[in-house]
Amino acid sequence: MVLNGAAAAVIEAQRGKHPEKVFTCRGRPINWTYGAAWRKARARAGLPQVRVHDLKHTFGRRLRAAGISFEDRQDLLGHKSSRITTHYSEAELANLIAAADSVCETESRKSPALVILRTKKADLRLVKSA
């Protein structure tokens, strides 16, 4: 499993508290994260609606925002299907709006204002902006 520095530090801080397991509660290993302990932890954090699955989605979206390649995101998320990876790391709506708005900026007007493709003559004609 690949861990970033923050996650590795959490793991290292837990080592040695149990002879076999990393995470424990009252000296007993934690084998299941979807029970009462997870609900209590979410409540203490003020995030009762958060699911474990939401953390994976957040990780995928943050990887994409950080510019991590599709293939590396797929490996880090443990996906075999590229469709699933795309689902986990959708583009941020704000980024898509900014990209669409960028063509309206005056600095971007160096390129043609309109490109007309004529299918009958199969030629490309660039129409310059006024």
C-alpha atoms as a PDB file:
ATOM      1  CA  MET A   1       0.000   0.000   0.000  1.00  0.00           C
ATOM      2  CA  VAL A   2       1.343   3.411  -0.936  1.00  0.00           C
ATOM      3  CA  LEU A   3       1.072   6.027   1.825  1.00  0.00           C
ATOM      4  CA  ASN A   4       1.895   9.712   1.850  1.00  0.00           C
ATOM      5  CA  GLY A   5       4.012  11.173   4.661  1.00  0.00           C
ATOM      6  CA  ALA A   6       1.031  12.147   6.821  1.00  0.00           C
ATOM      7  CA  ALA A   7      -0.531   8.676   6.639  1.00  0.00           C
ATOM      8  CA  ALA A   8       2.831   6.978   7.241  1.00  0.00           C
ATOM      9  CA  ALA A   9       3.352   9.120  10.360  1.00  0.00           C
ATOM     10  CA  VAL A  10      -0.042   8.013  11.746  1.00  0.00           C
ATOM     11  CA  ILE A  11       0.847   4.362  11.144  1.00  0.00           C
ATOM     12  CA  GLU A  12       4.273   4.733  12.739  1.00  0.00           C
ATOM     13  CA  ALA A  13       2.768   6.395  15.838  1.00  0.00           C
ATOM     14  CA  GLN A  14       0.531   3.334  16.322  1.00  0.00           C
ATOM     15  CA  ARG A  15       3.219   0.673  15.880  1.00  0.00           C
ATOM     16  CA  GLY A  16       4.064  -1.387  18.926  1.00  0.00           C
ATOM     17  CA  LYS A  17       0.772  -0.837  20.728  1.00  0.00           C
ATOM     18  CA  HIS A  18      -0.268  -4.367  19.736  1.00  0.00           C
ATOM     19  CA  PRO A  19       1.941  -7.344  18.789  1.00  0.00           C
ATOM     20  CA  GLU A  20       0.228  -7.908  15.433  1.00  0.00           C
ATOM     21  CA  LYS A  21      -2.199  -5.101  14.552  1.00  0.00           C
ATOM     22  CA  VAL A  22      -1.550  -1.417  13.961  1.00  0.00           C
ATOM     23  CA  PHE A  23      -4.825   0.039  15.196  1.00  0.00           C
ATOM     24  CA  THR A  24      -6.315  -0.896  18.537  1.00  0.00           C
ATOM     25  CA  CYS A  25      -8.978   0.237  20.950  1.00  0.00           C
ATOM     26  CA  ARG A  26      -8.479  -0.454  24.649  1.00  0.00           C
ATOM     27  CA  GLY A  27      -5.702  -2.892  23.787  1.00  0.00           C
ATOM     28  CA  ARG A  28      -7.803  -4.949  21.376  1.00  0.00           C
ATOM     29  CA  PRO A  29      -7.259  -4.879  17.593  1.00  0.00           C
ATOM     30  CA  ILE A  30      -9.710  -3.005  15.411  1.00  0.00           C
ATOM     31  CA  ASN A  31     -10.883  -5.393  12.698  1.00  0.00           C
ATOM     32  CA  TRP A  32     -13.899  -3.514  11.366  1.00  0.00           C
ATOM     33  CA  THR A  33     -14.253   0.239  10.740  1.00  0.00           C
ATOM     34  CA  TYR A  34     -17.960   0.491   9.992  1.00  0.00           C
ATOM     35  CA  GLY A  35     -19.279  -0.105  13.489  1.00  0.00           C
ATOM     36  CA  ALA A  36     -19.929   1.958  16.589  1.00  0.00           C
ATOM     37  CA  ALA A  37     -16.335   3.221  16.824  1.00  0.00           C
ATOM     38  CA  TRP A  38     -16.541   4.783  13.347  1.00  0.00           C
ATOM     39  CA  ARG A  39     -19.904   6.385  14.140  1.00  0.00           C
ATOM     40  CA  LYS A  40     -18.538   7.807  17.409  1.00  0.00           C
ATOM     41  CA  ALA A  41     -15.395   9.128  15.701  1.00  0.00           C
ATOM     42  CA  ARG A  42     -17.502  10.870  13.038  1.00  0.00           C
ATOM     43  CA  ALA A  43     -19.753  12.386  15.709  1.00  0.00           C
ATOM     44  CA  ARG A  44     -16.737  13.656  17.706  1.00  0.00           C
ATOM     45  CA  ALA A  45     -15.317  15.203  14.531  1.00  0.00           C
ATOM     46  CA  GLY A  46     -18.665  16.862  13.765  1.00  0.00           C
ATOM     47  CA  LEU A  47     -19.009  14.830  10.547  1.00  0.00           C
ATOM     48  CA  PRO A  48     -21.772  12.304  11.239  1.00  0.00           C
ATOM     49  CA  GLN A  49     -22.734  12.045   7.550  1.00  0.00           C
ATOM     50  CA  VAL A  50     -19.234  11.103   6.283  1.00  0.00           C
ATOM     51  CA  ARG A  51     -18.764   7.550   5.037  1.00  0.00           C
ATOM     52  CA  VAL A  52     -15.439   5.723   4.662  1.00  0.00           C
ATOM     53  CA  HIS A  53     -16.176   5.726   0.934  1.00  0.00           C
ATOM     54  CA  ASP A  54     -16.301   9.544   0.949  1.00  0.00           C
ATOM     55  CA  LEU A  55     -12.666   9.582   2.041  1.00  0.00           C
ATOM     56  CA  LYS A  56     -11.686   7.587  -1.049  1.00  0.00           C
ATOM     57  CA  HIS A  57     -13.616   9.951  -3.321  1.00  0.00           C
ATOM     58  CA  THR A  58     -11.907  12.930  -1.687  1.00  0.00           C
ATOM     59  CA  PHE A  59      -8.503  11.312  -2.192  1.00  0.00           C
ATOM     60  CA  GLY A  60      -9.244  10.685  -5.884  1.00  0.00           C
ATOM     61  CA  ARG A  61     -10.385  14.260  -6.457  1.00  0.00           C
ATOM     62  CA  ARG A  62      -7.369  15.689  -4.632  1.00  0.00           C
ATOM     63  CA  LEU A  63      -5.049  13.527  -6.740  1.00  0.00           C
ATOM     64  CA  ARG A  64      -6.613  14.922  -9.917  1.00  0.00           C
ATOM     65  CA  ALA A  65      -6.444  18.494  -8.614  1.00  0.00           C
ATOM     66  CA  ALA A  66      -2.756  17.926  -7.862  1.00  0.00           C
ATOM     67  CA  GLY A  67      -2.177  16.986 -11.519  1.00  0.00           C
ATOM     68  CA  ILE A  68      -1.473  13.290 -10.880  1.00  0.00           C
ATOM     69  CA  SER A  69      -1.670  11.218 -14.058  1.00  0.00           C
ATOM     70  CA  PHE A  70      -4.725   9.070 -14.733  1.00  0.00           C
ATOM     71  CA  GLU A  71      -2.680   5.859 -14.558  1.00  0.00           C
ATOM     72  CA  ASP A  72      -1.154   6.786 -11.190  1.00  0.00           C
ATOM     73  CA  ARG A  73      -4.578   7.761  -9.818  1.00  0.00           C
ATOM     74  CA  GLN A  74      -5.936   4.398 -10.967  1.00  0.00           C
ATOM     75  CA  ASP A  75      -3.090   2.553  -9.206  1.00  0.00           C
ATOM     76  CA  LEU A  76      -3.340   4.601  -6.004  1.00  0.00           C
ATOM     77  CA  LEU A  77      -7.096   4.076  -5.808  1.00  0.00           C
ATOM     78  CA  GLY A  78      -6.713   0.348  -6.549  1.00  0.00           C
ATOM     79  CA  HIS A  79      -9.025   0.345  -9.563  1.00  0.00           C
ATOM     80  CA  LYS A  80      -8.907  -2.172 -12.393  1.00  0.00           C
ATOM     81  CA  SER A  81     -11.539  -0.319 -14.422  1.00  0.00           C
ATOM     82  CA  SER A  82     -10.715   3.111 -15.831  1.00  0.00           C
ATOM     83  CA  ARG A  83     -14.425   3.966 -15.662  1.00  0.00           C
ATOM     84  CA  ILE A  84     -14.359   3.674 -11.873  1.00  0.00           C
ATOM     85  CA  THR A  85     -11.245   5.852 -11.619  1.00  0.00           C
ATOM     86  CA  THR A  86     -12.963   8.519 -13.705  1.00  0.00           C
ATOM     87  CA  HIS A  87     -15.954   8.357 -11.355  1.00  0.00           C
ATOM     88  CA  TYR A  88     -13.736   8.847  -8.311  1.00  0.00           C
ATOM     89  CA  SER A  89     -11.745  11.727  -9.721  1.00  0.00           C
ATOM     90  CA  GLU A  90     -14.175  13.848 -11.701  1.00  0.00           C
ATOM     91  CA  ALA A  91     -13.082  17.313 -12.700  1.00  0.00           C
ATOM     92  CA  GLU A  92     -13.940  20.009 -10.228  1.00  0.00           C
ATOM     93  CA  LEU A  93     -16.916  21.985 -11.483  1.00  0.00           C
ATOM     94  CA  ALA A  94     -15.168  25.271 -10.625  1.00  0.00           C
ATOM     95  CA  ASN A  95     -12.192  24.251 -12.785  1.00  0.00           C
ATOM     96  CA  LEU A  96     -14.467  23.436 -15.726  1.00  0.00           C
ATOM     97  CA  ILE A  97     -16.275  26.785 -15.415  1.00  0.00           C
ATOM     98  CA  ALA A  98     -12.939  28.629 -15.234  1.00  0.00           C
ATOM     99  CA  ALA A  99     -11.721  26.764 -18.323  1.00  0.00           C
ATOM    100  CA  ALA A 100     -14.876  27.681 -20.258  1.00  0.00           C
ATOM    101  CA  ASP A 101     -14.656  31.316 -19.091  1.00  0.00           C
ATOM    102  CA  SER A 102     -10.991  31.545 -20.107  1.00  0.00           C
ATOM    103  CA  VAL A 103     -11.932  31.742 -23.794  1.00  0.00           C
ATOM    104  CA  CYS A 104     -13.770  35.000 -23.084  1.00  0.00           C
ATOM    105  CA  GLU A 105     -10.682  36.762 -21.745  1.00  0.00           C
ATOM    106  CA  THR A 106      -9.148  39.358 -24.051  1.00  0.00           C
ATOM    107  CA  GLU A 107      -5.672  37.792 -23.842  1.00  0.00           C
ATOM    108  CA  SER A 108      -7.024  34.623 -25.426  1.00  0.00           C
ATOM    109  CA  ARG A 109      -8.261  36.515 -28.496  1.00  0.00           C
ATOM    110  CA  LYS A 110      -4.920  36.027 -30.264  1.00  0.00           C
ATOM    111  CA  SER A 111      -6.424  32.953 -31.835  1.00  0.00           C
ATOM    112  CA  PRO A 112      -9.306  33.166 -34.338  1.00  0.00           C
ATOM    113  CA  ALA A 113     -12.660  34.211 -32.910  1.00  0.00           C
ATOM    114  CA  LEU A 114     -14.480  31.658 -35.028  1.00  0.00           C
ATOM    115  CA  VAL A 115     -13.456  28.515 -36.850  1.00  0.00           C
ATOM    116  CA  ILE A 116     -15.797  27.315 -39.591  1.00  0.00           C
ATOM    117  CA  LEU A 117     -15.466  23.802 -40.908  1.00  0.00           C
ATOM    118  CA  ARG A 118     -16.957  23.338 -44.341  1.00  0.00           C
ATOM    119  CA  THR A 119     -17.828  19.741 -44.886  1.00  0.00           C
ATOM    120  CA  LYS A 120     -18.721  20.051 -48.590  1.00  0.00           C
ATOM    121  CA  LYS A 121     -15.318  21.274 -49.717  1.00  0.00           C
ATOM    122  CA  ALA A 122     -13.506  19.660 -46.781  1.00  0.00           C
ATOM    123  CA  ASP A 123     -11.509  22.816 -46.244  1.00  0.00           C
ATOM    124  CA  LEU A 124     -10.879  24.789 -43.100  1.00  0.00           C
ATOM    125  CA  ARG A 125     -11.464  28.527 -43.100  1.00  0.00           C
ATOM    126  CA  LEU A 126     -10.461  30.740 -40.223  1.00  0.00           C
ATOM    127  CA  VAL A 127     -12.552  33.829 -39.687  1.00  0.00           C
ATOM    128  CA  LYS A 128     -10.659  36.649 -37.993  1.00  0.00           C
ATOM    129  CA  SER A 129     -12.261  38.596 -35.175  1.00  0.00           C
ATOM    130  CA  ALA A 130     -13.449  42.118 -35.845  1.00  0.00           C
END
